[in-house]
């Protein structure tokens, strides 16, 4: 019996403690608990909306909504509208200031009389319009002279080119009289005299 007990003691493995006495035992981590899924609530049944209908009559709510809240209460009265009709359209006057050239008081009758006349000055008082009118007249006369050249209505030339003016000056320097020069070059009487006295203008020598 003693031999059997010793054999059992030898076959038994001795185990030593894995932690020191008095230490806190390690915590065993547990798998995270997954929260249960919440099923979404069922959508409420769609309500059928009634189509808006146009109203052709104004109720009290519509009238109150259209009123300007900033408007003084006296503007809403019928007496105020009647006073505006009696006053009529206002006639504005120009602002008066010492540096202004506008007259503070203007007679309406004078304005109506002045408006009846011409708004723009005549060509006699306008230098630019006078120059343009004279230019048109000269162009018209030059055109008529060119059209009448060599016909029975030809009275001689008055509008000359540079070569004709040079020939006139050369002939006058030679002592030719003005009447002979005008007859020779088919000029109007008095054209040679417009060039001035002899010696005042002379042809340039190249």
C-alpha atoms as a PDB file:
ATOM      1  CA  UNK A   1       0.000   0.000   0.000  1.00  0.00           C
ATOM      2  CA  UNK A   2       2.865   2.282   0.677  1.00  0.00           C
ATOM      3  CA  UNK A   3       4.355   1.601  -2.706  1.00  0.00           C
ATOM      4  CA  UNK A   4       1.090   2.415  -4.492  1.00  0.00           C
ATOM      5  CA  UNK A   5       0.751   5.712  -2.675  1.00  0.00           C
ATOM      6  CA  UNK A   6       4.269   6.769  -3.590  1.00  0.00           C
ATOM      7  CA  UNK A   7       3.637   5.983  -7.239  1.00  0.00           C
ATOM      8  CA  UNK A   8       0.540   8.141  -7.275  1.00  0.00           C
ATOM      9  CA  UNK A   9       2.428  10.972  -5.667  1.00  0.00           C
ATOM     10  CA  UNK A  10       5.176  10.790  -8.285  1.00  0.00           C
ATOM     11  CA  UNK A  11       2.760  10.769 -11.195  1.00  0.00           C
ATOM     12  CA  UNK A  12       0.982  13.881  -9.957  1.00  0.00           C
ATOM     13  CA  UNK A  13       2.513  17.129 -11.439  1.00  0.00           C
ATOM     14  CA  UNK A  14       2.968  19.931  -8.991  1.00  0.00           C
ATOM     15  CA  UNK A  15       1.438  23.251 -10.074  1.00  0.00           C
ATOM     16  CA  UNK A  16       2.761  26.641  -8.886  1.00  0.00           C
ATOM     17  CA  UNK A  17       0.587  29.769  -8.596  1.00  0.00           C
ATOM     18  CA  UNK A  18       0.745  32.069 -11.696  1.00  0.00           C
ATOM     19  CA  UNK A  19       0.278  35.326  -9.732  1.00  0.00           C
ATOM     20  CA  UNK A  20       1.593  36.712  -6.523  1.00  0.00           C
ATOM     21  CA  UNK A  21      -0.619  36.505  -3.508  1.00  0.00           C
ATOM     22  CA  UNK A  22      -2.701  39.655  -2.911  1.00  0.00           C
ATOM     23  CA  UNK A  23      -2.608  40.895  -6.559  1.00  0.00           C
ATOM     24  CA  UNK A  24      -5.767  41.834  -8.458  1.00  0.00           C
ATOM     25  CA  UNK A  25      -6.841  39.166 -10.875  1.00  0.00           C
ATOM     26  CA  UNK A  26      -6.838  40.325 -14.526  1.00  0.00           C
ATOM     27  CA  UNK A  27     -10.132  41.249 -16.095  1.00  0.00           C
ATOM     28  CA  UNK A  28     -11.376  39.059 -18.812  1.00  0.00           C
ATOM     29  CA  UNK A  29     -12.447  41.187 -21.802  1.00  0.00           C
ATOM     30  CA  UNK A  30     -15.874  40.393 -23.000  1.00  0.00           C
ATOM     31  CA  UNK A  31     -16.938  41.017 -26.572  1.00  0.00           C
ATOM     32  CA  UNK A  32     -18.786  44.267 -27.092  1.00  0.00           C
ATOM     33  CA  UNK A  33     -22.435  43.853 -27.017  1.00  0.00           C
ATOM     34  CA  UNK A  34     -24.097  44.919 -30.260  1.00  0.00           C
ATOM     35  CA  UNK A  35     -27.220  47.029 -29.643  1.00  0.00           C
ATOM     36  CA  UNK A  36     -30.265  45.652 -31.276  1.00  0.00           C
ATOM     37  CA  UNK A  37     -31.340  47.326 -34.504  1.00  0.00           C
ATOM     38  CA  UNK A  38     -34.325  49.565 -34.372  1.00  0.00           C
ATOM     39  CA  UNK A  39     -36.777  49.109 -37.097  1.00  0.00           C
ATOM     40  CA  UNK A  40     -37.755  52.468 -38.685  1.00  0.00           C
ATOM     41  CA  UNK A  41     -41.316  53.454 -38.050  1.00  0.00           C
ATOM     42  CA  UNK A  42     -43.666  53.010 -40.886  1.00  0.00           C
ATOM     43  CA  UNK A  43     -44.303  56.296 -42.789  1.00  0.00           C
ATOM     44  CA  UNK A  44     -47.695  57.770 -42.149  1.00  0.00           C
ATOM     45  CA  UNK A  45     -50.106  57.537 -45.013  1.00  0.00           C
ATOM     46  CA  UNK A  46     -49.944  60.556 -47.323  1.00  0.00           C
ATOM     47  CA  UNK A  47     -52.780  62.900 -46.928  1.00  0.00           C
ATOM     48  CA  UNK A  48     -54.422  64.127 -50.041  1.00  0.00           C
ATOM     49  CA  UNK A  49     -54.081  67.885 -50.173  1.00  0.00           C
ATOM     50  CA  UNK A  50     -56.928  69.852 -51.530  1.00  0.00           C
ATOM     51  CA  UNK A  51     -56.051  72.014 -54.522  1.00  0.00           C
ATOM     52  CA  UNK A  52     -56.220  75.765 -53.735  1.00  0.00           C
ATOM     53  CA  UNK A  53     -59.159  77.496 -55.261  1.00  0.00           C
ATOM     54  CA  UNK A  54     -59.062  81.077 -56.478  1.00  0.00           C
ATOM     55  CA  UNK A  55     -61.279  83.495 -54.674  1.00  0.00           C
ATOM     56  CA  UNK A  56     -62.839  86.327 -56.631  1.00  0.00           C
ATOM     57  CA  UNK A  57     -64.191  88.119 -53.582  1.00  0.00           C
ATOM     58  CA  UNK A  58     -62.187  90.071 -50.991  1.00  0.00           C
ATOM     59  CA  UNK A  59     -62.884  89.248 -47.413  1.00  0.00           C
ATOM     60  CA  UNK A  60     -61.852  91.291 -44.413  1.00  0.00           C
ATOM     61  CA  UNK A  61     -58.562  89.372 -43.981  1.00  0.00           C
ATOM     62  CA  UNK A  62     -57.477  90.135 -47.548  1.00  0.00           C
ATOM     63  CA  UNK A  63     -58.314  93.820 -47.122  1.00  0.00           C
ATOM     64  CA  UNK A  64     -56.358  94.076 -43.894  1.00  0.00           C
ATOM     65  CA  UNK A  65     -53.375  92.310 -45.469  1.00  0.00           C
ATOM     66  CA  UNK A  66     -53.270  94.774 -48.383  1.00  0.00           C
ATOM     67  CA  UNK A  67     -53.169  97.847 -46.123  1.00  0.00           C
ATOM     68  CA  UNK A  68     -49.755  99.444 -45.559  1.00  0.00           C
ATOM     69  CA  UNK A  69     -49.078  99.333 -41.798  1.00  0.00           C
ATOM     70  CA  UNK A  70     -46.871 102.449 -41.994  1.00  0.00           C
ATOM     71  CA  UNK A  71     -49.592 104.572 -43.591  1.00  0.00           C
ATOM     72  CA  UNK A  72     -51.137 107.173 -41.267  1.00  0.00           C
ATOM     73  CA  UNK A  73     -54.796 106.508 -40.466  1.00  0.00           C
ATOM     74  CA  UNK A  74     -55.942 109.829 -41.928  1.00  0.00           C
ATOM     75  CA  UNK A  75     -54.821 108.701 -45.405  1.00  0.00           C
ATOM     76  CA  UNK A  76     -57.475 106.003 -45.396  1.00  0.00           C
ATOM     77  CA  UNK A  77     -60.393 108.380 -45.050  1.00  0.00           C
ATOM     78  CA  UNK A  78     -62.549 109.458 -47.957  1.00  0.00           C
ATOM     79  CA  UNK A  79     -62.234 113.112 -46.893  1.00  0.00           C
ATOM     80  CA  UNK A  80     -58.513 113.019 -47.554  1.00  0.00           C
ATOM     81  CA  UNK A  81     -59.077 111.761 -51.122  1.00  0.00           C
ATOM     82  CA  UNK A  82     -61.645 114.508 -51.710  1.00  0.00           C
ATOM     83  CA  UNK A  83     -59.197 117.171 -50.544  1.00  0.00           C
ATOM     84  CA  UNK A  84     -56.567 115.849 -52.947  1.00  0.00           C
ATOM     85  CA  UNK A  85     -59.002 116.103 -55.846  1.00  0.00           C
ATOM     86  CA  UNK A  86     -59.870 119.684 -54.912  1.00  0.00           C
ATOM     87  CA  UNK A  87     -56.205 120.719 -54.725  1.00  0.00           C
ATOM     88  CA  UNK A  88     -55.482 119.478 -58.252  1.00  0.00           C
ATOM     89  CA  UNK A  89     -52.034 119.071 -59.828  1.00  0.00           C
ATOM     90  CA  UNK A  90     -49.222 121.001 -58.147  1.00  0.00           C
ATOM     91  CA  UNK A  91     -47.256 123.539 -60.214  1.00  0.00           C
ATOM     92  CA  UNK A  92     -43.570 123.299 -59.224  1.00  0.00           C
ATOM     93  CA  UNK A  93     -41.507 126.482 -58.999  1.00  0.00           C
ATOM     94  CA  UNK A  94     -37.729 126.594 -59.622  1.00  0.00           C
ATOM     95  CA  UNK A  95     -35.584 126.560 -56.522  1.00  0.00           C
ATOM     96  CA  UNK A  96     -34.277 130.009 -55.647  1.00  0.00           C
ATOM     97  CA  UNK A  97     -30.697 130.524 -54.538  1.00  0.00           C
ATOM     98  CA  UNK A  98     -28.376 133.570 -54.791  1.00  0.00           C
ATOM     99  CA  UNK A  99     -25.977 131.662 -57.062  1.00  0.00           C
ATOM    100  CA  UNK A 100     -28.713 130.315 -59.321  1.00  0.00           C
ATOM    101  CA  UNK A 101     -29.391 131.952 -62.681  1.00  0.00           C
ATOM    102  CA  UNK A 102     -32.995 130.740 -62.689  1.00  0.00           C
ATOM    103  CA  UNK A 103     -35.586 133.384 -61.964  1.00  0.00           C
ATOM    104  CA  UNK A 104     -37.705 132.584 -58.885  1.00  0.00           C
ATOM    105  CA  UNK A 105     -40.923 133.896 -60.398  1.00  0.00           C
ATOM    106  CA  UNK A 106     -41.832 133.051 -63.978  1.00  0.00           C
ATOM    107  CA  UNK A 107     -44.993 134.149 -65.698  1.00  0.00           C
ATOM    108  CA  UNK A 108     -46.742 131.180 -67.296  1.00  0.00           C
ATOM    109  CA  UNK A 109     -48.186 133.381 -70.042  1.00  0.00           C
ATOM    110  CA  UNK A 110     -44.687 134.488 -71.038  1.00  0.00           C
ATOM    111  CA  UNK A 111     -43.576 130.873 -71.293  1.00  0.00           C
ATOM    112  CA  UNK A 112     -46.441 129.962 -73.599  1.00  0.00           C
ATOM    113  CA  UNK A 113     -45.707 132.966 -75.819  1.00  0.00           C
ATOM    114  CA  UNK A 114     -42.005 132.167 -76.047  1.00  0.00           C
ATOM    115  CA  UNK A 115     -42.704 128.529 -76.850  1.00  0.00           C
ATOM    116  CA  UNK A 116     -44.833 129.550 -79.807  1.00  0.00           C
ATOM    117  CA  UNK A 117     -41.794 131.121 -81.522  1.00  0.00           C
ATOM    118  CA  UNK A 118     -38.819 129.293 -83.086  1.00  0.00           C
ATOM    119  CA  UNK A 119     -36.781 127.219 -80.665  1.00  0.00           C
ATOM    120  CA  UNK A 120     -33.494 127.568 -82.594  1.00  0.00           C
ATOM    121  CA  UNK A 121     -31.761 130.742 -83.802  1.00  0.00           C
ATOM    122  CA  UNK A 122     -31.910 131.620 -87.468  1.00  0.00           C
ATOM    123  CA  UNK A 123     -28.990 130.911 -89.784  1.00  0.00           C
ATOM    124  CA  UNK A 124     -28.188 134.631 -89.904  1.00  0.00           C
ATOM    125  CA  UNK A 125     -27.326 134.652 -86.192  1.00  0.00           C
ATOM    126  CA  UNK A 126     -25.492 131.297 -86.267  1.00  0.00           C
ATOM    127  CA  UNK A 127     -21.971 131.497 -87.689  1.00  0.00           C
ATOM    128  CA  UNK A 128     -21.646 127.753 -88.271  1.00  0.00           C
ATOM    129  CA  UNK A 129     -24.922 127.519 -90.163  1.00  0.00           C
ATOM    130  CA  UNK A 130     -23.968 130.597 -92.170  1.00  0.00           C
ATOM    131  CA  UNK A 131     -20.678 129.015 -93.285  1.00  0.00           C
ATOM    132  CA  UNK A 132     -22.409 125.797 -94.296  1.00  0.00           C
ATOM    133  CA  UNK A 133     -25.055 127.688 -96.243  1.00  0.00           C
ATOM    134  CA  UNK A 134     -22.399 129.723 -98.089  1.00  0.00           C
ATOM    135  CA  UNK A 135     -20.500 126.545 -98.935  1.00  0.00           C
ATOM    136  CA  UNK A 136     -23.618 124.925-100.388  1.00  0.00           C
ATOM    137  CA  UNK A 137     -24.301 128.023-102.470  1.00  0.00           C
ATOM    138  CA  UNK A 138     -20.751 128.075-103.875  1.00  0.00           C
ATOM    139  CA  UNK A 139     -20.936 124.382-104.747  1.00  0.00           C
ATOM    140  CA  UNK A 140     -24.234 124.956-106.542  1.00  0.00           C
ATOM    141  CA  UNK A 141     -22.825 127.861-108.568  1.00  0.00           C
ATOM    142  CA  UNK A 142     -19.693 125.876-109.513  1.00  0.00           C
ATOM    143  CA  UNK A 143     -21.839 122.981-110.683  1.00  0.00           C
ATOM    144  CA  UNK A 144     -24.014 125.267-112.834  1.00  0.00           C
ATOM    145  CA  UNK A 145     -20.917 126.882-114.339  1.00  0.00           C
ATOM    146  CA  UNK A 146     -19.503 123.482-115.292  1.00  0.00           C
ATOM    147  CA  UNK A 147     -22.807 122.376-116.833  1.00  0.00           C
ATOM    148  CA  UNK A 148     -23.140 125.610-118.892  1.00  0.00           C
ATOM    149  CA  UNK A 149     -19.530 125.493-120.189  1.00  0.00           C
ATOM    150  CA  UNK A 150     -19.488 125.666-124.004  1.00  0.00           C
ATOM    151  CA  UNK A 151     -23.229 126.327-124.308  1.00  0.00           C
ATOM    152  CA  UNK A 152     -25.201 129.457-125.121  1.00  0.00           C
ATOM    153  CA  UNK A 153     -25.697 130.070-121.396  1.00  0.00           C
ATOM    154  CA  UNK A 154     -21.964 130.233-120.785  1.00  0.00           C
ATOM    155  CA  UNK A 155     -21.077 133.659-119.314  1.00  0.00           C
ATOM    156  CA  UNK A 156     -17.449 132.879-118.613  1.00  0.00           C
ATOM    157  CA  UNK A 157     -15.661 131.128-115.796  1.00  0.00           C
ATOM    158  CA  UNK A 158     -15.543 132.405-112.241  1.00  0.00           C
ATOM    159  CA  UNK A 159     -14.270 129.390-110.304  1.00  0.00           C
ATOM    160  CA  UNK A 160     -10.644 128.833-111.309  1.00  0.00           C
ATOM    161  CA  UNK A 161      -8.048 126.166-110.687  1.00  0.00           C
ATOM    162  CA  UNK A 162      -4.399 126.763-109.761  1.00  0.00           C
ATOM    163  CA  UNK A 163      -3.075 126.505-113.319  1.00  0.00           C
ATOM    164  CA  UNK A 164      -5.562 129.105-114.623  1.00  0.00           C
ATOM    165  CA  UNK A 165      -4.662 131.531-111.827  1.00  0.00           C
ATOM    166  CA  UNK A 166      -0.954 131.116-112.617  1.00  0.00           C
ATOM    167  CA  UNK A 167      -1.572 131.840-116.328  1.00  0.00           C
ATOM    168  CA  UNK A 168      -3.484 135.009-115.392  1.00  0.00           C
ATOM    169  CA  UNK A 169      -0.586 136.236-113.249  1.00  0.00           C
ATOM    170  CA  UNK A 170       1.965 135.452-115.959  1.00  0.00           C
ATOM    171  CA  UNK A 171      -0.009 137.322-118.628  1.00  0.00           C
ATOM    172  CA  UNK A 172      -0.494 140.297-116.336  1.00  0.00           C
ATOM    173  CA  UNK A 173       3.241 140.417-115.563  1.00  0.00           C
ATOM    174  CA  UNK A 174       3.835 140.608-119.317  1.00  0.00           C
ATOM    175  CA  UNK A 175       1.629 143.703-119.478  1.00  0.00           C
ATOM    176  CA  UNK A 176      -1.531 142.204-120.916  1.00  0.00           C
ATOM    177  CA  UNK A 177      -4.680 144.189-120.006  1.00  0.00           C
ATOM    178  CA  UNK A 178      -7.314 142.541-117.821  1.00  0.00           C
ATOM    179  CA  UNK A 179     -10.029 142.598-120.499  1.00  0.00           C
ATOM    180  CA  UNK A 180      -7.782 140.751-122.971  1.00  0.00           C
ATOM    181  CA  UNK A 181      -6.810 138.150-120.380  1.00  0.00           C
ATOM    182  CA  UNK A 182     -10.460 137.538-119.512  1.00  0.00           C
ATOM    183  CA  UNK A 183     -11.396 137.192-123.182  1.00  0.00           C
ATOM    184  CA  UNK A 184      -8.474 134.861-123.906  1.00  0.00           C
ATOM    185  CA  UNK A 185      -9.154 132.539-120.942  1.00  0.00           C
ATOM    186  CA  UNK A 186     -12.978 132.758-121.156  1.00  0.00           C
ATOM    187  CA  UNK A 187     -13.369 134.460-117.782  1.00  0.00           C
ATOM    188  CA  UNK A 188     -16.176 136.558-116.401  1.00  0.00           C
ATOM    189  CA  UNK A 189     -15.586 140.301-116.385  1.00  0.00           C
ATOM    190  CA  UNK A 190     -13.905 141.432-113.162  1.00  0.00           C
ATOM    191  CA  UNK A 191     -12.233 138.104-112.298  1.00  0.00           C
ATOM    192  CA  UNK A 192      -8.698 139.420-112.935  1.00  0.00           C
ATOM    193  CA  UNK A 193      -9.324 142.443-110.700  1.00  0.00           C
ATOM    194  CA  UNK A 194     -10.171 140.129-107.781  1.00  0.00           C
ATOM    195  CA  UNK A 195      -6.551 138.976-107.688  1.00  0.00           C
ATOM    196  CA  UNK A 196      -5.482 142.413-106.487  1.00  0.00           C
ATOM    197  CA  UNK A 197      -3.233 145.064-107.983  1.00  0.00           C
ATOM    198  CA  UNK A 198      -0.295 144.204-110.188  1.00  0.00           C
ATOM    199  CA  UNK A 199       2.747 143.265-108.111  1.00  0.00           C
ATOM    200  CA  UNK A 200       0.716 142.271-105.063  1.00  0.00           C
ATOM    201  CA  UNK A 201       0.517 138.631-106.176  1.00  0.00           C
ATOM    202  CA  UNK A 202       3.081 137.091-108.506  1.00  0.00           C
ATOM    203  CA  UNK A 203       3.541 133.545-109.818  1.00  0.00           C
ATOM    204  CA  UNK A 204       6.159 131.446-108.065  1.00  0.00           C
ATOM    205  CA  UNK A 205       9.121 130.356-110.149  1.00  0.00           C
ATOM    206  CA  UNK A 206      10.082 126.700-109.823  1.00  0.00           C
END
